[in-house]
């Protein structure tokens, strides 16, 4: 059922050899994790 969910997109579509894109994704992931952690830590 979910085998064709993304069409021709697959793991080989991830641009792991593009440092600007992967750096941006890494920074966004770290900021999102810090934000989620801050929201849960400072919750009233």
PDB file of N, CA and C in Angstrom:
ATOM      1  N   UNK A   1       0.821  -1.206   0.000  1.00  0.00           N
ATOM      2  CA  UNK A   1       0.000   0.000   0.000  1.00  0.00           C
ATOM      3  C   UNK A   1       0.861   1.265   0.000  1.00  0.00           C
ATOM      4  N   UNK A   2       1.885   1.287   0.854  1.00  0.00           N
ATOM      5  CA  UNK A   2       2.726   2.481   0.948  1.00  0.00           C
ATOM      6  C   UNK A   2       3.995   2.371   0.114  1.00  0.00           C
ATOM      7  N   UNK A   3       4.136   1.335  -0.688  1.00  0.00           N
ATOM      8  CA  UNK A   3       5.336   1.134  -1.483  1.00  0.00           C
ATOM      9  C   UNK A   3       5.556   2.228  -2.505  1.00  0.00           C
ATOM     10  N   UNK A   4       4.493   2.801  -3.049  1.00  0.00           N
ATOM     11  CA  UNK A   4       4.608   3.821  -4.087  1.00  0.00           C
ATOM     12  C   UNK A   4       4.148   5.187  -3.573  1.00  0.00           C
ATOM     13  N   UNK A   5       4.262   5.394  -2.266  1.00  0.00           N
ATOM     14  CA  UNK A   5       3.761   6.627  -1.657  1.00  0.00           C
ATOM     15  C   UNK A   5       4.508   7.856  -2.170  1.00  0.00           C
ATOM     16  N   UNK A   6       5.816   7.759  -2.324  1.00  0.00           N
ATOM     17  CA  UNK A   6       6.624   8.896  -2.751  1.00  0.00           C
ATOM     18  C   UNK A   6       7.012   8.825  -4.227  1.00  0.00           C
ATOM     19  N   UNK A   7       6.457   7.905  -4.952  1.00  0.00           N
ATOM     20  CA  UNK A   7       6.757   7.796  -6.376  1.00  0.00           C
ATOM     21  C   UNK A   7       8.185   7.363  -6.602  1.00  0.00           C
ATOM     22  N   UNK A   8       8.943   8.154  -7.350  1.00  0.00           N
ATOM     23  CA  UNK A   8      10.329   7.803  -7.670  1.00  0.00           C
ATOM     24  C   UNK A   8      11.322   8.315  -6.630  1.00  0.00           C
ATOM     25  N   UNK A   9      10.829   8.992  -5.595  1.00  0.00           N
ATOM     26  CA  UNK A   9      11.727   9.473  -4.549  1.00  0.00           C
ATOM     27  C   UNK A   9      12.110   8.323  -3.635  1.00  0.00           C
ATOM     28  N   UNK A  10      13.358   8.258  -3.288  1.00  0.00           N
ATOM     29  CA  UNK A  10      13.848   7.220  -2.400  1.00  0.00           C
ATOM     30  C   UNK A  10      15.073   7.718  -1.660  1.00  0.00           C
ATOM     31  N   UNK A  11      15.716   6.843  -0.928  1.00  0.00           N
ATOM     32  CA  UNK A  11      16.909   7.258  -0.182  1.00  0.00           C
ATOM     33  C   UNK A  11      18.023   7.795  -1.086  1.00  0.00           C
ATOM     34  N   UNK A  12      18.068   7.346  -2.320  1.00  0.00           N
ATOM     35  CA  UNK A  12      19.110   7.847  -3.232  1.00  0.00           C
ATOM     36  C   UNK A  12      18.843   9.279  -3.679  1.00  0.00           C
ATOM     37  N   UNK A  13      17.670   9.819  -3.375  1.00  0.00           N
ATOM     38  CA  UNK A  13      17.335  11.195  -3.745  1.00  0.00           C
ATOM     39  C   UNK A  13      17.878  12.221  -2.753  1.00  0.00           C
ATOM     40  N   UNK A  14      18.362  11.769  -1.600  1.00  0.00           N
ATOM     41  CA  UNK A  14      18.888  12.686  -0.585  1.00  0.00           C
ATOM     42  C   UNK A  14      20.259  13.178  -1.047  1.00  0.00           C
ATOM     43  N   UNK A  15      20.461  14.498  -1.138  1.00  0.00           N
ATOM     44  CA  UNK A  15      21.731  15.033  -1.666  1.00  0.00           C
ATOM     45  C   UNK A  15      22.844  15.041  -0.619  1.00  0.00           C
ATOM     46  N   UNK A  16      23.355  13.856  -0.272  1.00  0.00           N
ATOM     47  CA  UNK A  16      24.361  13.770   0.790  1.00  0.00           C
ATOM     48  C   UNK A  16      25.714  14.341   0.378  1.00  0.00           C
ATOM     49  N   UNK A  17      25.944  14.547  -0.898  1.00  0.00           N
ATOM     50  CA  UNK A  17      27.232  15.068  -1.354  1.00  0.00           C
ATOM     51  C   UNK A  17      27.193  16.571  -1.615  1.00  0.00           C
ATOM     52  N   UNK A  18      26.114  17.236  -1.190  1.00  0.00           N
ATOM     53  CA  UNK A  18      25.997  18.694  -1.300  1.00  0.00           C
ATOM     54  C   UNK A  18      26.159  19.280   0.097  1.00  0.00           C
ATOM     55  N   UNK A  19      27.339  19.812   0.422  1.00  0.00           N
ATOM     56  CA  UNK A  19      27.589  20.249   1.801  1.00  0.00           C
ATOM     57  C   UNK A  19      26.710  21.409   2.261  1.00  0.00           C
ATOM     58  N   UNK A  20      26.324  22.298   1.374  1.00  0.00           N
ATOM     59  CA  UNK A  20      25.495  23.431   1.787  1.00  0.00           C
ATOM     60  C   UNK A  20      24.113  22.946   2.205  1.00  0.00           C
ATOM     61  N   UNK A  21      23.540  22.052   1.415  1.00  0.00           N
ATOM     62  CA  UNK A  21      22.206  21.537   1.731  1.00  0.00           C
ATOM     63  C   UNK A  21      22.243  20.705   3.009  1.00  0.00           C
ATOM     64  N   UNK A  22      23.215  19.824   3.145  1.00  0.00           N
ATOM     65  CA  UNK A  22      23.277  18.960   4.314  1.00  0.00           C
ATOM     66  C   UNK A  22      23.622  19.759   5.575  1.00  0.00           C
ATOM     67  N   UNK A  23      24.440  20.793   5.437  1.00  0.00           N
ATOM     68  CA  UNK A  23      24.727  21.665   6.579  1.00  0.00           C
ATOM     69  C   UNK A  23      23.496  22.414   7.033  1.00  0.00           C
ATOM     70  N   UNK A  24      22.722  22.887   6.078  1.00  0.00           N
ATOM     71  CA  UNK A  24      21.485  23.589   6.414  1.00  0.00           C
ATOM     72  C   UNK A  24      20.509  22.655   7.103  1.00  0.00           C
ATOM     73  N   UNK A  25      20.377  21.442   6.605  1.00  0.00           N
ATOM     74  CA  UNK A  25      19.482  20.464   7.227  1.00  0.00           C
ATOM     75  C   UNK A  25      19.956  20.145   8.643  1.00  0.00           C
ATOM     76  N   UNK A  26      21.246  20.018   8.844  1.00  0.00           N
ATOM     77  CA  UNK A  26      21.781  19.724  10.177  1.00  0.00           C
ATOM     78  C   UNK A  26      21.507  20.870  11.144  1.00  0.00           C
ATOM     79  N   UNK A  27      21.699  22.112  10.699  1.00  0.00           N
ATOM     80  CA  UNK A  27      21.441  23.268  11.561  1.00  0.00           C
ATOM     81  C   UNK A  27      19.960  23.355  11.913  1.00  0.00           C
ATOM     82  N   UNK A  28      19.093  23.128  10.947  1.00  0.00           N
ATOM     83  CA  UNK A  28      17.655  23.169  11.210  1.00  0.00           C
ATOM     84  C   UNK A  28      17.266  22.074  12.199  1.00  0.00           C
ATOM     85  N   UNK A  29      17.845  20.879  12.066  1.00  0.00           N
ATOM     86  CA  UNK A  29      17.531  19.787  12.986  1.00  0.00           C
ATOM     87  C   UNK A  29      17.991  20.110  14.403  1.00  0.00           C
ATOM     88  N   UNK A  30      19.179  20.701  14.548  1.00  0.00           N
ATOM     89  CA  UNK A  30      19.688  21.053  15.878  1.00  0.00           C
ATOM     90  C   UNK A  30      18.833  22.148  16.503  1.00  0.00           C
ATOM     91  N   UNK A  31      18.490  23.166  15.725  1.00  0.00           N
ATOM     92  CA  UNK A  31      17.650  24.253  16.245  1.00  0.00           C
ATOM     93  C   UNK A  31      16.278  23.725  16.645  1.00  0.00           C
ATOM     94  N   UNK A  32      15.702  22.835  15.844  1.00  0.00           N
ATOM     95  CA  UNK A  32      14.398  22.263  16.171  1.00  0.00           C
ATOM     96  C   UNK A  32      14.474  21.442  17.452  1.00  0.00           C
ATOM     97  N   UNK A  33      15.545  20.667  17.623  1.00  0.00           N
ATOM     98  CA  UNK A  33      15.711  19.871  18.838  1.00  0.00           C
ATOM     99  C   UNK A  33      15.889  20.767  20.056  1.00  0.00           C
ATOM    100  N   UNK A  34      16.680  21.828  19.915  1.00  0.00           N
ATOM    101  CA  UNK A  34      16.861  22.762  21.031  1.00  0.00           C
ATOM    102  C   UNK A  34      15.557  23.481  21.383  1.00  0.00           C
ATOM    103  N   UNK A  35      14.814  23.880  20.383  1.00  0.00           N
ATOM    104  CA  UNK A  35      13.540  24.553  20.613  1.00  0.00           C
ATOM    105  C   UNK A  35      12.551  23.623  21.303  1.00  0.00           C
ATOM    106  N   UNK A  36      12.471  22.384  20.841  1.00  0.00           N
ATOM    107  CA  UNK A  36      11.569  21.424  21.470  1.00  0.00           C
ATOM    108  C   UNK A  36      12.005  21.142  22.904  1.00  0.00           C
ATOM    109  N   UNK A  37      13.291  21.023  23.123  1.00  0.00           N
ATOM    110  CA  UNK A  37      13.796  20.814  24.473  1.00  0.00           C
ATOM    111  C   UNK A  37      13.520  21.995  25.378  1.00  0.00           C
ATOM    112  N   UNK A  38      13.688  23.212  24.877  1.00  0.00           N
ATOM    113  CA  UNK A  38      13.422  24.411  25.668  1.00  0.00           C
ATOM    114  C   UNK A  38      11.942  24.528  25.999  1.00  0.00           C
ATOM    115  N   UNK A  39      11.090  24.201  25.053  1.00  0.00           N
ATOM    116  CA  UNK A  39       9.642  24.280  25.295  1.00  0.00           C
ATOM    117  C   UNK A  39       9.243  23.288  26.370  1.00  0.00           C
ATOM    118  N   UNK A  40       9.785  22.075  26.319  1.00  0.00           N
ATOM    119  CA  UNK A  40       9.410  21.092  27.334  1.00  0.00           C
ATOM    120  C   UNK A  40      10.068  21.375  28.678  1.00  0.00           C
ATOM    121  N   UNK A  41      11.264  21.948  28.692  1.00  0.00           N
ATOM    122  CA  UNK A  41      11.956  22.237  29.962  1.00  0.00           C
ATOM    123  C   UNK A  41      11.341  23.414  30.688  1.00  0.00           C
ATOM    124  N   UNK A  42      11.007  24.479  29.954  1.00  0.00           N
ATOM    125  CA  UNK A  42      10.497  25.692  30.583  1.00  0.00           C
ATOM    126  C   UNK A  42       8.977  25.756  30.603  1.00  0.00           C
ATOM    127  N   UNK A  43       8.317  24.630  30.398  1.00  0.00           N
ATOM    128  CA  UNK A  43       6.852  24.598  30.407  1.00  0.00           C
ATOM    129  C   UNK A  43       6.346  24.941  31.808  1.00  0.00           C
ATOM    130  N   UNK A  44       5.273  25.716  31.867  1.00  0.00           N
ATOM    131  CA  UNK A  44       4.745  26.126  33.179  1.00  0.00           C
ATOM    132  C   UNK A  44       3.740  25.157  33.707  1.00  0.00           C
TER     133      UNK A  44
END
